[in-house]
Amino acid sequence: MINTLRPAGVYLAILLGHLKKDAGDVKRALLSMDEGLLTPECLKQLIDFAPDDDEVRVLPIDRY
């Protein structure tokens, strides 16, 4: 598979790796607003680097 992430997508991948949690854990933390895992700074970065509509259409995100 060829990686076609835009620079923001690469930063998002790095941020998720830094959290040391899988995507399912981050999703649950977002839905429950877990401030222990998701600090205001982390939330801002997640928003800034979130995929745009076109990227969402091609990513297999429904598996989490």
N, C-alpha and C. Protein backbone atom coordinates (compact mmCIF):
# COMPACT_ATOMS: atom_id res chain seq x y z
N MET A 1 0.84 -1.18 0.00
CA MET A 1 0.00 0.00 0.00
C MET A 1 0.89 1.24 0.00
N ILE A 2 0.59 2.17 -0.85
CA ILE A 2 1.35 3.42 -0.94
C ILE A 2 0.77 4.42 0.05
N ASN A 3 1.63 5.04 0.83
CA ASN A 3 1.20 6.04 1.79
C ASN A 3 1.05 7.39 1.09
N THR A 4 -0.17 7.90 1.06
CA THR A 4 -0.43 9.17 0.38
C THR A 4 -0.93 10.22 1.36
N LEU A 5 -0.50 10.13 2.60
CA LEU A 5 -0.95 11.11 3.59
C LEU A 5 -0.35 12.48 3.30
N ARG A 6 -1.17 13.48 3.47
CA ARG A 6 -0.66 14.84 3.37
C ARG A 6 0.16 15.11 4.63
N PRO A 7 0.94 16.18 4.66
CA PRO A 7 1.78 16.44 5.84
C PRO A 7 0.99 16.45 7.15
N ALA A 8 -0.23 17.01 7.15
CA ALA A 8 -1.02 17.03 8.38
C ALA A 8 -1.35 15.61 8.82
N GLY A 9 -1.59 14.71 7.86
CA GLY A 9 -1.87 13.32 8.20
C GLY A 9 -0.69 12.64 8.86
N VAL A 10 0.50 12.98 8.42
CA VAL A 10 1.71 12.44 9.03
C VAL A 10 1.82 12.93 10.47
N TYR A 11 1.55 14.22 10.70
CA TYR A 11 1.60 14.77 12.06
C TYR A 11 0.56 14.11 12.96
N LEU A 12 -0.62 13.83 12.40
CA LEU A 12 -1.67 13.16 13.16
C LEU A 12 -1.21 11.76 13.55
N ALA A 13 -0.60 11.04 12.63
CA ALA A 13 -0.08 9.71 12.93
C ALA A 13 0.97 9.76 14.04
N ILE A 14 1.82 10.76 13.99
CA ILE A 14 2.85 10.94 15.03
C ILE A 14 2.19 11.23 16.37
N LEU A 15 1.18 12.11 16.37
CA LEU A 15 0.47 12.45 17.61
C LEU A 15 -0.19 11.21 18.20
N LEU A 16 -0.85 10.42 17.37
CA LEU A 16 -1.50 9.21 17.87
C LEU A 16 -0.47 8.23 18.42
N GLY A 17 0.69 8.14 17.78
CA GLY A 17 1.76 7.29 18.29
C GLY A 17 2.28 7.78 19.62
N HIS A 18 2.35 9.10 19.77
CA HIS A 18 2.83 9.70 21.01
C HIS A 18 1.88 9.38 22.17
N LEU A 19 0.59 9.30 21.88
CA LEU A 19 -0.39 8.98 22.93
C LEU A 19 -0.27 7.55 23.43
N LYS A 20 0.39 6.69 22.61
CA LYS A 20 0.58 5.28 22.95
C LYS A 20 -0.75 4.56 23.19
N LYS A 21 -1.74 4.93 22.40
CA LYS A 21 -3.06 4.29 22.45
C LYS A 21 -3.46 3.95 21.03
N ASP A 22 -4.27 2.90 20.89
CA ASP A 22 -4.74 2.60 19.54
C ASP A 22 -5.91 3.51 19.19
N ALA A 23 -6.31 3.49 17.94
CA ALA A 23 -7.35 4.40 17.47
C ALA A 23 -8.66 4.19 18.21
N GLY A 24 -8.97 2.96 18.57
CA GLY A 24 -10.19 2.68 19.32
C GLY A 24 -10.18 3.35 20.69
N ASP A 25 -9.03 3.31 21.37
CA ASP A 25 -8.91 3.97 22.68
C ASP A 25 -9.07 5.48 22.55
N VAL A 26 -8.48 6.05 21.50
CA VAL A 26 -8.59 7.50 21.29
C VAL A 26 -10.04 7.86 20.97
N LYS A 27 -10.71 7.04 20.18
CA LYS A 27 -12.12 7.29 19.87
C LYS A 27 -12.95 7.28 21.14
N ARG A 28 -12.76 6.28 22.00
CA ARG A 28 -13.51 6.21 23.25
C ARG A 28 -13.21 7.42 24.14
N ALA A 29 -11.94 7.83 24.17
CA ALA A 29 -11.57 9.00 24.97
C ALA A 29 -12.24 10.27 24.44
N LEU A 30 -12.32 10.38 23.11
CA LEU A 30 -13.00 11.53 22.51
C LEU A 30 -14.49 11.53 22.86
N LEU A 31 -15.12 10.37 22.73
CA LEU A 31 -16.56 10.28 22.98
C LEU A 31 -16.90 10.52 24.45
N SER A 32 -16.00 10.15 25.35
CA SER A 32 -16.25 10.35 26.78
C SER A 32 -15.60 11.63 27.31
N MET A 33 -14.90 12.35 26.43
CA MET A 33 -14.18 13.57 26.81
C MET A 33 -13.23 13.31 27.99
N ASP A 34 -12.43 12.28 27.86
CA ASP A 34 -11.46 11.88 28.86
C ASP A 34 -10.32 12.89 28.90
N GLU A 35 -10.37 13.78 29.87
CA GLU A 35 -9.34 14.83 29.97
C GLU A 35 -8.01 14.29 30.48
N GLY A 36 -8.00 13.08 31.00
CA GLY A 36 -6.74 12.48 31.42
C GLY A 36 -5.88 12.12 30.23
N LEU A 37 -6.50 11.67 29.16
CA LEU A 37 -5.77 11.30 27.95
C LEU A 37 -5.71 12.47 26.97
N LEU A 38 -6.81 13.19 26.86
CA LEU A 38 -6.91 14.25 25.85
C LEU A 38 -6.89 15.62 26.49
N THR A 39 -5.71 16.17 26.60
CA THR A 39 -5.55 17.51 27.15
C THR A 39 -6.07 18.53 26.13
N PRO A 40 -6.32 19.77 26.54
CA PRO A 40 -6.74 20.79 25.57
C PRO A 40 -5.76 20.95 24.41
N GLU A 41 -4.46 20.85 24.69
CA GLU A 41 -3.46 20.98 23.63
C GLU A 41 -3.56 19.80 22.66
N CYS A 42 -3.76 18.61 23.20
CA CYS A 42 -3.89 17.42 22.36
C CYS A 42 -5.15 17.52 21.49
N LEU A 43 -6.26 17.96 22.07
CA LEU A 43 -7.50 18.12 21.30
C LEU A 43 -7.31 19.13 20.17
N LYS A 44 -6.61 20.22 20.44
CA LYS A 44 -6.37 21.21 19.39
C LYS A 44 -5.57 20.60 18.25
N GLN A 45 -4.55 19.82 18.58
CA GLN A 45 -3.76 19.17 17.55
C GLN A 45 -4.57 18.17 16.76
N LEU A 46 -5.43 17.40 17.43
CA LEU A 46 -6.29 16.45 16.73
C LEU A 46 -7.21 17.17 15.75
N ILE A 47 -7.74 18.30 16.17
CA ILE A 47 -8.62 19.09 15.28
C ILE A 47 -7.83 19.65 14.11
N ASP A 48 -6.66 20.21 14.40
CA ASP A 48 -5.84 20.82 13.34
C ASP A 48 -5.41 19.82 12.28
N PHE A 49 -5.15 18.58 12.71
CA PHE A 49 -4.61 17.58 11.79
C PHE A 49 -5.63 16.55 11.34
N ALA A 50 -6.89 16.74 11.70
CA ALA A 50 -7.94 15.79 11.29
C ALA A 50 -8.05 15.75 9.77
N PRO A 51 -8.39 14.60 9.22
CA PRO A 51 -8.52 14.49 7.76
C PRO A 51 -9.69 15.34 7.25
N ASP A 52 -9.54 15.84 6.03
CA ASP A 52 -10.64 16.60 5.43
C ASP A 52 -11.65 15.62 4.82
N ASP A 53 -12.74 16.14 4.27
CA ASP A 53 -13.82 15.30 3.74
C ASP A 53 -13.33 14.32 2.68
N ASP A 54 -12.47 14.77 1.79
CA ASP A 54 -11.96 13.89 0.73
C ASP A 54 -11.14 12.73 1.31
N GLU A 55 -10.33 13.03 2.32
CA GLU A 55 -9.51 11.99 2.94
C GLU A 55 -10.37 10.99 3.70
N VAL A 56 -11.42 11.49 4.35
CA VAL A 56 -12.31 10.61 5.11
C VAL A 56 -12.97 9.59 4.19
N ARG A 57 -13.31 10.01 2.98
CA ARG A 57 -13.98 9.11 2.04
C ARG A 57 -13.11 7.92 1.65
N VAL A 58 -11.80 8.07 1.66
CA VAL A 58 -10.92 6.98 1.22
C VAL A 58 -10.26 6.22 2.36
N LEU A 59 -10.40 6.68 3.59
CA LEU A 59 -9.78 6.00 4.73
C LEU A 59 -10.73 4.97 5.32
N PRO A 60 -10.21 3.82 5.73
CA PRO A 60 -11.05 2.79 6.34
C PRO A 60 -11.31 3.06 7.82
N ILE A 61 -11.95 4.17 8.14
CA ILE A 61 -12.10 4.58 9.54
C ILE A 61 -13.25 3.90 10.26
N ASP A 62 -14.14 3.24 9.55
CA ASP A 62 -15.30 2.64 10.20
C ASP A 62 -14.95 1.39 10.99
N ARG A 63 -13.73 0.92 10.91
CA ARG A 63 -13.37 -0.29 11.64
C ARG A 63 -13.11 -0.03 13.12
N TYR A 64 -13.11 1.20 13.57
CA TYR A 64 -12.86 1.51 14.98
C TYR A 64 -14.14 1.82 15.66
